[in-house]
Amino acid sequence: LCRFGSILVNASASSDVALTCISPPRSAVAVVPLEVSLNGQNFTSDGILFTYYTHGLPTELCPSTGPAYGGTAVRITAASGANGSDYRVSLRGANGTLVVPAAPTTIDEIEFTTPHFDAAGGYTVRTSLNAQQYSAPPGLALHVYLPPRVDSLAPRCGPVDGNTNVTVNGAHFLHGSHNLCD
């Protein structure tokens, strides 16, 4: 048996060093001790805590676009971001779902780094604080684009005081969320 605070649930041993039990529902956020018993009477008293959290819906991605080669640090704003123990982000696109690790940065934000994507396009982003249950649909939209390429500039020079209108020619410029020239 597992005991979440005062609530008992069945458990099953998968080996001598692992036991599985399903947490019972709770009406509110709480931190409770999880103790186990092999005979239904004598429980451990190890004081290991289990945290119940409310899964806040993600509300914003920043940035909401990134190149297909990956490596973009993306911040997700969501309430209850700091109550997790095993943060993950699910990225679902037309070619399947990728799951990547994430980490809390503030009480209301988590961050992940985009992986390499096999295809450009739209991906639905959902978060998990325990690597099992994910935020409810619909999730947030991440657009993955083919990397931009610069072929030429017109004109290629200008005065030191600036104000030269420069046209950049190349490919794959339409899908960025923060178009800046370095």
Protein backbone atom coordinates (compact mmCIF):
# COMPACT_ATOMS: atom_id res chain seq x y z
CA LEU A 1 0.00 0.00 0.00
CA CYS A 2 0.95 3.63 -0.48
CA ARG A 3 -0.29 6.33 1.87
CA PHE A 4 -0.56 9.88 0.50
CA GLY A 5 -1.00 11.84 3.71
CA SER A 6 -3.90 9.87 5.20
CA ILE A 7 -5.28 8.39 1.97
CA LEU A 8 -4.45 4.76 1.19
CA VAL A 9 -4.09 3.37 -2.34
CA ASN A 10 -2.96 0.03 -3.72
CA ALA A 11 0.58 -0.44 -4.94
CA SER A 12 2.46 -2.99 -6.98
CA ALA A 13 6.12 -3.90 -6.74
CA SER A 14 7.90 -4.11 -10.08
CA SER A 15 11.19 -5.10 -8.44
CA ASP A 16 12.86 -5.18 -5.05
CA VAL A 17 13.74 -1.49 -5.46
CA ALA A 18 10.65 -0.05 -7.20
CA LEU A 19 7.00 0.23 -6.20
CA THR A 20 4.23 1.86 -8.26
CA CYS A 21 1.08 3.50 -6.93
CA ILE A 22 -1.35 6.00 -8.44
CA SER A 23 -1.87 9.22 -6.54
CA PRO A 24 -5.45 9.76 -5.38
CA PRO A 25 -7.20 13.01 -6.32
CA ARG A 26 -7.13 16.00 -3.98
CA SER A 27 -9.31 19.09 -3.96
CA ALA A 28 -6.46 21.57 -3.52
CA VAL A 29 -2.72 22.11 -3.81
CA ALA A 30 -0.91 20.26 -1.02
CA VAL A 31 2.37 18.70 0.04
CA VAL A 32 1.89 15.34 1.79
CA PRO A 33 4.20 12.59 2.99
CA LEU A 34 4.15 9.41 0.93
CA GLU A 35 4.76 6.30 3.01
CA VAL A 36 4.49 2.61 2.06
CA SER A 37 3.47 -0.59 3.80
CA LEU A 38 4.03 -4.18 2.76
CA ASN A 39 1.52 -5.60 5.28
CA GLY A 40 -1.18 -2.91 5.53
CA GLN A 41 -0.20 -2.01 9.10
CA ASN A 42 3.40 -0.95 9.42
CA PHE A 43 4.21 2.09 7.30
CA THR A 44 7.56 3.66 6.55
CA SER A 45 8.29 6.99 8.24
CA ASP A 46 10.86 8.34 5.80
CA GLY A 47 9.15 11.72 5.31
CA ILE A 48 9.51 11.81 1.53
CA LEU A 49 7.05 14.43 0.26
CA PHE A 50 4.67 14.31 -2.72
CA THR A 51 3.42 17.64 -4.11
CA TYR A 52 -0.06 18.11 -5.57
CA TYR A 53 -0.18 21.06 -7.96
CA THR A 54 -2.66 22.76 -10.24
CA HIS A 55 -1.45 22.63 -13.81
CA GLY A 56 -1.63 26.19 -15.07
CA LEU A 57 -2.29 26.57 -18.75
CA PRO A 58 0.62 27.97 -20.73
CA THR A 59 -0.27 31.48 -21.88
CA GLU A 60 2.73 32.71 -23.88
CA LEU A 61 5.81 31.55 -25.79
CA CYS A 62 8.76 33.88 -26.27
CA PRO A 63 9.92 33.68 -28.98
CA SER A 64 7.11 31.88 -30.78
CA THR A 65 9.27 31.00 -33.78
CA GLY A 66 12.61 29.29 -34.31
CA PRO A 67 14.79 27.73 -36.99
CA ALA A 68 14.47 24.06 -37.89
CA TYR A 69 18.08 23.40 -36.85
CA GLY A 70 17.03 24.01 -33.20
CA GLY A 71 18.94 25.64 -30.37
CA THR A 72 16.40 28.40 -29.61
CA ALA A 73 15.82 29.12 -25.90
CA VAL A 74 12.04 29.47 -25.49
CA ARG A 75 10.34 30.82 -22.35
CA ILE A 76 6.83 29.61 -21.53
CA THR A 77 4.69 31.69 -19.21
CA ALA A 78 2.33 29.53 -17.13
CA ALA A 79 0.98 29.70 -13.59
CA SER A 80 2.28 27.02 -11.20
CA GLY A 81 5.53 26.60 -13.11
CA ALA A 82 7.66 26.17 -9.98
CA ASN A 83 5.79 23.22 -8.43
CA GLY A 84 7.12 20.50 -10.70
CA SER A 85 9.75 17.81 -10.35
CA ASP A 86 10.40 16.56 -13.91
CA TYR A 87 9.69 19.29 -16.47
CA ARG A 88 8.99 18.38 -20.11
CA VAL A 89 7.67 20.11 -23.21
CA SER A 90 5.75 18.27 -25.91
CA LEU A 91 6.08 19.61 -29.46
CA ARG A 92 3.47 18.08 -31.75
CA GLY A 93 3.68 18.64 -35.48
CA ALA A 94 2.51 17.02 -38.69
CA ASN A 95 5.38 14.50 -38.55
CA GLY A 96 4.85 13.40 -34.94
CA THR A 97 5.67 14.51 -31.41
CA LEU A 98 8.99 15.45 -29.86
CA VAL A 99 9.44 15.63 -26.07
CA VAL A 100 12.27 17.71 -24.63
CA PRO A 101 13.39 18.56 -21.08
CA ALA A 102 12.58 21.96 -19.59
CA ALA A 103 13.47 23.83 -16.40
CA PRO A 104 11.78 26.47 -14.24
CA THR A 105 13.27 29.96 -14.47
CA THR A 106 10.77 31.81 -12.24
CA ILE A 107 7.61 30.86 -10.36
CA ASP A 108 5.57 31.53 -13.53
CA GLU A 109 8.01 30.55 -16.29
CA ILE A 110 9.75 27.49 -17.60
CA GLU A 111 12.31 27.35 -20.40
CA PHE A 112 13.32 24.78 -22.99
CA THR A 113 15.68 24.64 -25.93
CA THR A 114 14.21 23.66 -29.27
CA PRO A 115 15.54 20.41 -30.72
CA HIS A 116 16.43 19.79 -34.36
CA PHE A 117 13.20 19.52 -36.37
CA ASP A 118 12.91 17.35 -39.47
CA ALA A 119 10.41 19.75 -41.03
CA ALA A 120 9.42 23.39 -40.91
CA GLY A 121 5.83 24.22 -39.96
CA GLY A 122 3.53 24.60 -36.99
CA TYR A 123 3.99 22.74 -33.71
CA THR A 124 1.65 22.62 -30.72
CA VAL A 125 3.44 23.18 -27.40
CA ARG A 126 2.17 21.61 -24.17
CA THR A 127 3.94 21.41 -20.82
CA SER A 128 4.32 18.80 -18.10
CA LEU A 129 5.61 19.33 -14.58
CA ASN A 130 6.02 15.58 -13.91
CA ALA A 131 6.84 14.03 -17.33
CA GLN A 132 3.40 12.33 -17.35
CA GLN A 133 0.41 14.66 -17.42
CA TYR A 134 0.53 17.51 -19.93
CA SER A 135 -1.33 20.81 -20.03
CA ALA A 136 -4.77 20.67 -21.60
CA PRO A 137 -5.25 21.30 -25.31
CA PRO A 138 -5.10 23.35 -27.40
CA GLY A 139 -1.59 24.36 -26.28
CA LEU A 140 0.48 27.18 -27.71
CA ALA A 141 1.71 27.57 -31.28
CA LEU A 142 5.40 27.43 -32.20
CA HIS A 143 6.32 28.06 -35.82
CA VAL A 144 9.50 26.36 -37.03
CA TYR A 145 11.02 27.92 -40.11
CA LEU A 146 13.76 27.05 -42.57
CA PRO A 147 16.90 29.02 -41.66
CA PRO A 148 17.13 32.38 -43.40
CA ARG A 149 19.86 32.93 -45.96
CA VAL A 150 21.39 36.25 -47.05
CA ASP A 151 22.48 36.38 -50.69
CA SER A 152 23.01 40.09 -51.29
CA LEU A 153 22.49 43.62 -49.98
CA ALA A 154 21.41 46.70 -51.93
CA PRO A 155 23.12 49.04 -51.41
CA ARG A 156 26.17 47.42 -49.80
CA CYS A 157 27.39 50.62 -48.12
CA GLY A 158 26.16 53.83 -46.44
CA PRO A 159 27.35 56.86 -44.46
CA VAL A 160 28.46 56.54 -40.81
CA ASP A 161 25.48 58.57 -39.58
CA GLY A 162 23.14 55.74 -40.69
CA ASN A 163 19.67 56.14 -42.23
CA THR A 164 20.49 54.03 -45.30
CA ASN A 165 17.54 51.91 -46.38
CA VAL A 166 19.13 48.51 -47.09
CA THR A 167 17.31 45.76 -48.98
CA VAL A 168 18.41 42.27 -47.94
CA ASN A 169 17.89 39.59 -50.59
CA GLY A 170 17.93 35.88 -49.83
CA ALA A 171 15.48 33.21 -48.74
CA HIS A 172 13.13 32.15 -45.91
CA PHE A 173 12.42 35.58 -44.34
CA LEU A 174 8.64 35.40 -43.79
CA HIS A 175 8.15 33.38 -40.60
CA GLY A 176 10.18 35.10 -37.88
CA SER A 177 8.63 36.65 -34.78
CA HIS A 178 11.46 39.13 -34.02
CA ASN A 179 12.98 40.33 -37.31
CA LEU A 180 16.21 42.14 -36.41
CA CYS A 181 19.39 42.86 -38.35
CA ASP A 182 22.67 42.32 -36.50
